[in-house]
Amino acid sequence: MNVRFLMCNYCNLRCSYCHNEYQGGIDCQTAKSIKNFSKETICKTLEEYNLNNIDSIKISGGEPFLKPNEVIEILEFSSRMNKKSVILTNATIHDSILFNKIIENEVHEIRINLSTFDITKYKNITKANNEQVKVLYDNIDYFTKNKIPISLNVVLVCQPNEIKNFIIDYVKTATTTYKPMNFKSLRFIINDWLSDKDNYFEKANEVLVSLTNTSGKQRKDCIIDFKDYYIPVSLIKCNMNKESDVYLIPPGIVLTNPKKGKAYA
């Protein structure tokens, strides 16, 4: 079982593709009045969920870097209990104390939302300003230099007929700008609200398969082969009704089905 903490309901960006996951459609810019987790609640919750049943602890939001103290508390708890920790972030905020703790507690993975390397398009999609874009790329450099495993979450916002060129260009840019071994994975995401999401999925899957070097045998996942290094590539079709992780949402514990992991707001 995976447990995910939505650290807060709000975010510093306004992404056009945001579905404000399991938060009742609350606008990410106007939810600052929502009460958040206390440090005591975080630790008590994890203990009550029976640590033996927890495989990993995911930290997301909103934007979790807006709540650095609470994130640190979870990371330290995860480290003490020898549990994997994963952070999902837009990475447009830098907090030196938090980042030192990320290194100190050996975070298993940081998943960064970066739907395009085109800065102009990125700003249009996320409404980020120049300083936030600079911080984003500085943070990616920081994590890679400090050997923190990162994955890139790529929500597909292009037109169906642009998918092939977009994916090929994205992979090329990612692996020429950064060394392939810097990535834990590339995660291409089809949003649930797309009217033609099945068409998106099929087209994207076709492109990724064409990029895959299977070396004569089928691998479990789509892998892009860079000679001496392999990058796992996931194609994910979001489904808001999918039974997956257990979600814990402020101001308290949202009742969940611990077996199926479906969240109830």
Protein backbone atom coordinates (compact mmCIF):
# COMPACT_ATOMS: atom_id res chain seq x y z
CA MET A 1 0.00 0.00 0.00
CA ASN A 2 1.17 3.50 -0.81
CA VAL A 3 0.17 6.48 1.31
CA ARG A 4 0.07 9.92 -0.25
CA PHE A 5 -0.07 13.15 1.74
CA LEU A 6 -1.61 16.12 -0.05
CA MET A 7 0.30 18.66 2.00
CA CYS A 8 -1.94 21.57 1.06
CA ASN A 9 -4.72 22.44 -1.35
CA TYR A 10 -3.02 25.44 -2.88
CA CYS A 11 -0.26 25.99 -5.42
CA ASN A 12 1.91 28.85 -6.67
CA LEU A 13 1.14 28.07 -10.35
CA ARG A 14 -2.10 27.92 -12.33
CA CYS A 15 -1.56 25.04 -14.76
CA SER A 16 -4.17 24.75 -17.48
CA TYR A 17 -4.25 20.97 -17.08
CA CYS A 18 -4.59 20.91 -13.29
CA HIS A 19 -7.45 18.77 -11.99
CA ASN A 20 -6.74 19.53 -8.31
CA GLU A 21 -6.70 15.87 -7.50
CA TYR A 22 -9.33 14.64 -5.01
CA GLN A 23 -9.81 18.12 -3.57
CA GLY A 24 -13.37 18.75 -4.60
CA GLY A 25 -12.45 21.10 -7.43
CA ILE A 26 -11.13 23.78 -5.07
CA ASP A 27 -9.29 26.46 -7.02
CA CYS A 28 -5.57 26.14 -6.31
CA GLN A 29 -5.18 29.90 -5.93
CA THR A 30 -8.01 30.48 -3.46
CA ALA A 31 -7.69 27.56 -1.08
CA LYS A 32 -5.17 29.11 1.32
CA SER A 33 -7.74 29.20 4.09
CA ILE A 34 -7.86 25.41 4.18
CA LYS A 35 -6.40 24.02 7.38
CA ASN A 36 -3.26 21.94 6.88
CA PHE A 37 -1.68 18.94 8.57
CA SER A 38 0.14 19.43 11.84
CA LYS A 39 3.42 17.60 12.41
CA GLU A 40 1.79 15.58 15.17
CA THR A 41 -1.05 14.50 12.88
CA ILE A 42 1.40 13.38 10.20
CA CYS A 43 3.37 11.07 12.49
CA LYS A 44 0.30 9.77 14.30
CA THR A 45 -1.41 9.00 11.01
CA LEU A 46 1.49 7.02 9.61
CA GLU A 47 1.78 5.02 12.80
CA GLU A 48 -1.95 4.26 12.85
CA TYR A 49 -1.90 3.11 9.23
CA ASN A 50 0.33 0.21 10.27
CA LEU A 51 3.81 0.77 8.91
CA ASN A 52 4.17 -2.87 7.94
CA ASN A 53 1.52 -2.34 5.24
CA ILE A 54 3.11 0.79 3.76
CA ASP A 55 5.44 0.38 0.79
CA SER A 56 6.13 4.04 0.13
CA ILE A 57 5.11 7.49 1.31
CA LYS A 58 4.31 10.07 -1.36
CA ILE A 59 4.23 13.80 -0.72
CA SER A 60 2.22 16.06 -3.02
CA GLY A 61 -0.34 18.85 -2.99
CA GLY A 62 -1.12 21.49 -4.23
CA GLU A 63 2.55 22.36 -4.11
CA PRO A 64 4.33 20.58 -1.21
CA PHE A 65 7.34 22.93 -1.24
CA LEU A 66 4.97 25.59 0.13
CA LYS A 67 4.90 23.52 3.34
CA PRO A 68 8.62 22.79 3.91
CA ASN A 69 8.42 22.08 7.64
CA GLU A 70 5.72 19.45 7.20
CA VAL A 71 7.58 17.86 4.28
CA ILE A 72 10.73 17.64 6.41
CA GLU A 73 8.75 15.98 9.18
CA ILE A 74 7.49 13.26 6.81
CA LEU A 75 10.93 12.75 5.25
CA GLU A 76 12.54 12.28 8.65
CA PHE A 77 9.78 9.92 9.71
CA SER A 78 10.15 7.92 6.48
CA SER A 79 13.89 7.72 6.94
CA ARG A 80 13.58 6.51 10.54
CA MET A 81 11.12 3.83 9.47
CA ASN A 82 13.16 2.83 6.39
CA LYS A 83 10.30 3.67 4.03
CA LYS A 84 10.71 5.01 0.49
CA SER A 85 9.67 8.63 0.07
CA VAL A 86 8.56 10.24 -3.18
CA ILE A 87 7.90 13.96 -3.70
CA LEU A 88 5.66 15.31 -6.47
CA THR A 89 6.36 18.98 -7.17
CA ASN A 90 6.47 21.72 -9.78
CA ALA A 91 9.97 22.54 -8.42
CA THR A 92 9.56 26.31 -8.85
CA ILE A 93 10.32 26.98 -5.18
CA HIS A 94 13.74 26.73 -3.56
CA ASP A 95 14.14 26.16 0.17
CA SER A 96 17.73 25.52 1.28
CA ILE A 97 16.83 23.87 4.57
CA LEU A 98 14.29 21.57 2.92
CA PHE A 99 16.66 20.66 0.10
CA ASN A 100 19.42 19.79 2.55
CA LYS A 101 16.95 17.49 4.31
CA ILE A 102 16.01 15.90 0.98
CA ILE A 103 19.67 14.95 0.51
CA GLU A 104 20.20 13.99 4.14
CA ASN A 105 17.17 11.67 4.20
CA GLU A 106 17.95 10.12 0.80
CA VAL A 107 14.64 10.77 -0.94
CA HIS A 108 13.85 7.86 -3.24
CA GLU A 109 12.47 10.00 -6.07
CA ILE A 110 11.40 13.54 -6.94
CA ARG A 111 8.77 13.76 -9.67
CA ILE A 112 8.85 17.14 -11.36
CA ASN A 113 5.97 18.44 -13.44
CA LEU A 114 7.56 19.73 -16.65
CA SER A 115 5.21 19.43 -19.60
CA THR A 116 7.47 21.20 -22.07
CA PHE A 117 11.03 22.47 -22.38
CA ASP A 118 9.77 25.42 -24.43
CA ILE A 119 9.91 28.23 -21.89
CA THR A 120 7.31 30.39 -23.61
CA LYS A 121 4.84 27.50 -23.81
CA TYR A 122 5.65 26.48 -20.23
CA LYS A 123 4.82 29.98 -19.00
CA ASN A 124 1.58 30.00 -20.97
CA ILE A 125 0.55 26.61 -19.57
CA THR A 126 1.51 27.25 -15.94
CA LYS A 127 1.33 31.07 -15.69
CA ALA A 128 4.84 30.93 -14.20
CA ASN A 129 6.94 34.08 -14.16
CA ASN A 130 10.58 34.41 -15.22
CA GLU A 131 11.90 33.93 -11.69
CA GLN A 132 9.90 30.73 -11.18
CA VAL A 133 11.21 29.32 -14.47
CA LYS A 134 14.78 30.12 -13.42
CA VAL A 135 14.25 28.44 -10.04
CA LEU A 136 12.80 25.36 -11.76
CA TYR A 137 15.87 24.79 -13.89
CA ASP A 138 18.23 25.67 -11.03
CA ASN A 139 16.46 23.08 -8.88
CA ILE A 140 16.75 20.39 -11.56
CA ASP A 141 20.47 21.14 -11.75
CA TYR A 142 20.71 21.01 -7.96
CA PHE A 143 19.00 17.62 -7.72
CA THR A 144 21.02 16.08 -10.54
CA LYS A 145 24.34 17.38 -9.16
CA ASN A 146 23.48 15.95 -5.76
CA LYS A 147 22.40 12.63 -7.32
CA ILE A 148 18.80 12.87 -6.19
CA PRO A 149 16.75 10.59 -8.49
CA ILE A 150 14.31 12.64 -10.54
CA SER A 151 11.46 11.75 -12.84
CA LEU A 152 9.77 14.14 -15.22
CA ASN A 153 5.97 14.17 -15.31
CA VAL A 154 4.89 15.22 -18.79
CA VAL A 155 1.19 16.00 -19.10
CA LEU A 156 0.41 15.91 -22.82
CA VAL A 157 -1.24 19.19 -23.76
CA CYS A 158 -0.45 19.15 -27.48
CA GLN A 159 -2.92 18.36 -30.26
CA PRO A 160 -3.26 14.67 -31.25
CA ASN A 161 -1.51 15.27 -34.57
CA GLU A 162 1.42 16.85 -32.72
CA ILE A 163 2.02 13.99 -30.29
CA LYS A 164 4.71 12.22 -32.32
CA ASN A 165 6.89 15.28 -32.85
CA PHE A 166 6.31 16.48 -29.30
CA ILE A 167 7.41 13.23 -27.63
CA ILE A 168 10.43 12.78 -29.88
CA ASP A 169 11.53 16.38 -29.30
CA TYR A 170 10.92 16.12 -25.56
CA VAL A 171 12.98 12.95 -25.15
CA LYS A 172 15.77 14.38 -27.32
CA THR A 173 15.88 17.63 -25.36
CA ALA A 174 15.76 15.88 -21.97
CA THR A 175 18.59 13.50 -22.80
CA THR A 176 20.84 16.05 -24.51
CA THR A 177 20.34 18.71 -21.84
CA TYR A 178 20.90 16.24 -19.03
CA LYS A 179 22.67 12.91 -18.83
CA PRO A 180 20.24 9.99 -19.23
CA MET A 181 21.41 8.49 -15.93
CA ASN A 182 20.04 11.57 -14.14
CA PHE A 183 16.50 10.34 -14.74
CA LYS A 184 14.69 7.69 -12.80
CA SER A 185 11.92 7.78 -15.40
CA LEU A 186 9.97 9.83 -17.90
CA ARG A 187 6.23 9.73 -17.23
CA PHE A 188 3.95 10.84 -20.07
CA ILE A 189 0.45 11.49 -18.75
CA ILE A 190 -2.93 11.54 -20.48
CA ASN A 191 -5.37 13.61 -18.45
CA ASP A 192 -8.75 12.18 -17.50
CA TRP A 193 -10.72 15.21 -18.70
CA LEU A 194 -9.63 14.89 -22.35
CA SER A 195 -12.63 14.02 -24.52
CA ASP A 196 -10.43 11.90 -26.80
CA LYS A 197 -8.09 10.46 -24.16
CA ASP A 198 -8.21 6.98 -25.73
CA ASN A 199 -7.03 8.43 -29.02
CA TYR A 200 -4.28 10.34 -27.20
CA PHE A 201 -3.20 7.17 -25.43
CA GLU A 202 -3.01 5.07 -28.59
CA LYS A 203 -1.03 7.70 -30.50
CA ALA A 204 1.39 8.31 -27.63
CA ASN A 205 1.84 4.59 -27.04
CA GLU A 206 2.64 4.05 -30.71
CA VAL A 207 5.35 6.73 -30.59
CA LEU A 208 6.92 5.42 -27.40
CA VAL A 209 6.99 1.87 -28.72
CA SER A 210 8.75 3.12 -31.86
CA LEU A 211 11.42 4.72 -29.66
CA THR A 212 11.91 1.56 -27.67
CA ASN A 213 14.86 -0.67 -28.35
CA THR A 214 13.62 -4.07 -27.23
CA SER A 215 16.76 -5.88 -28.41
CA GLY A 216 14.68 -8.73 -29.77
CA LYS A 217 12.64 -9.36 -26.66
CA GLN A 218 9.72 -7.76 -24.94
CA ARG A 219 10.44 -5.84 -21.78
CA LYS A 220 7.90 -5.34 -19.04
CA ASP A 221 7.85 -1.57 -19.48
CA CYS A 222 8.64 0.74 -22.35
CA ILE A 223 12.37 1.43 -22.09
CA ILE A 224 14.39 3.88 -24.14
CA ASP A 225 17.87 2.49 -24.66
CA PHE A 226 20.81 4.90 -24.55
CA LYS A 227 23.57 2.36 -25.19
CA ASP A 228 24.76 1.81 -21.63
CA TYR A 229 21.75 3.18 -19.78
CA TYR A 230 18.02 2.56 -19.84
CA ILE A 231 15.32 5.08 -19.00
CA PRO A 232 12.00 3.60 -17.88
CA VAL A 233 9.15 5.35 -19.67
CA SER A 234 5.58 5.24 -18.39
CA LEU A 235 2.47 6.16 -20.33
CA ILE A 236 -0.24 6.91 -17.82
CA LYS A 237 -3.92 7.44 -18.51
CA CYS A 238 -5.27 9.34 -15.52
CA ASN A 239 -8.51 8.04 -14.16
CA MET A 240 -10.08 9.95 -11.30
CA ASN A 241 -12.08 6.84 -10.40
CA LYS A 242 -9.10 4.51 -10.41
CA GLU A 243 -8.52 2.66 -7.20
CA SER A 244 -4.90 3.31 -6.33
CA ASP A 245 -3.17 5.00 -3.44
CA VAL A 246 -4.62 5.88 -0.08
CA TYR A 247 -4.93 9.67 -0.02
CA LEU A 248 -4.65 11.72 3.15
CA ILE A 249 -5.97 15.24 2.73
CA PRO A 250 -5.97 18.18 5.17
CA PRO A 251 -7.50 19.28 7.46
CA GLY A 252 -7.68 15.74 8.78
CA ILE A 253 -7.76 12.18 7.62
CA VAL A 254 -10.02 11.48 4.68
CA LEU A 255 -11.68 8.10 5.02
CA THR A 256 -10.27 5.62 2.58
CA ASN A 257 -10.61 2.01 1.65
CA PRO A 258 -7.23 0.63 2.80
CA LYS A 259 -7.60 -2.47 0.63
CA LYS A 260 -8.52 -0.79 -2.62
CA GLY A 261 -7.09 2.61 -1.76
CA LYS A 262 -9.92 4.63 -3.25
CA ALA A 263 -10.19 8.08 -1.73
CA TYR A 264 -13.42 9.66 -0.62
CA ALA A 265 -13.55 13.43 -0.25
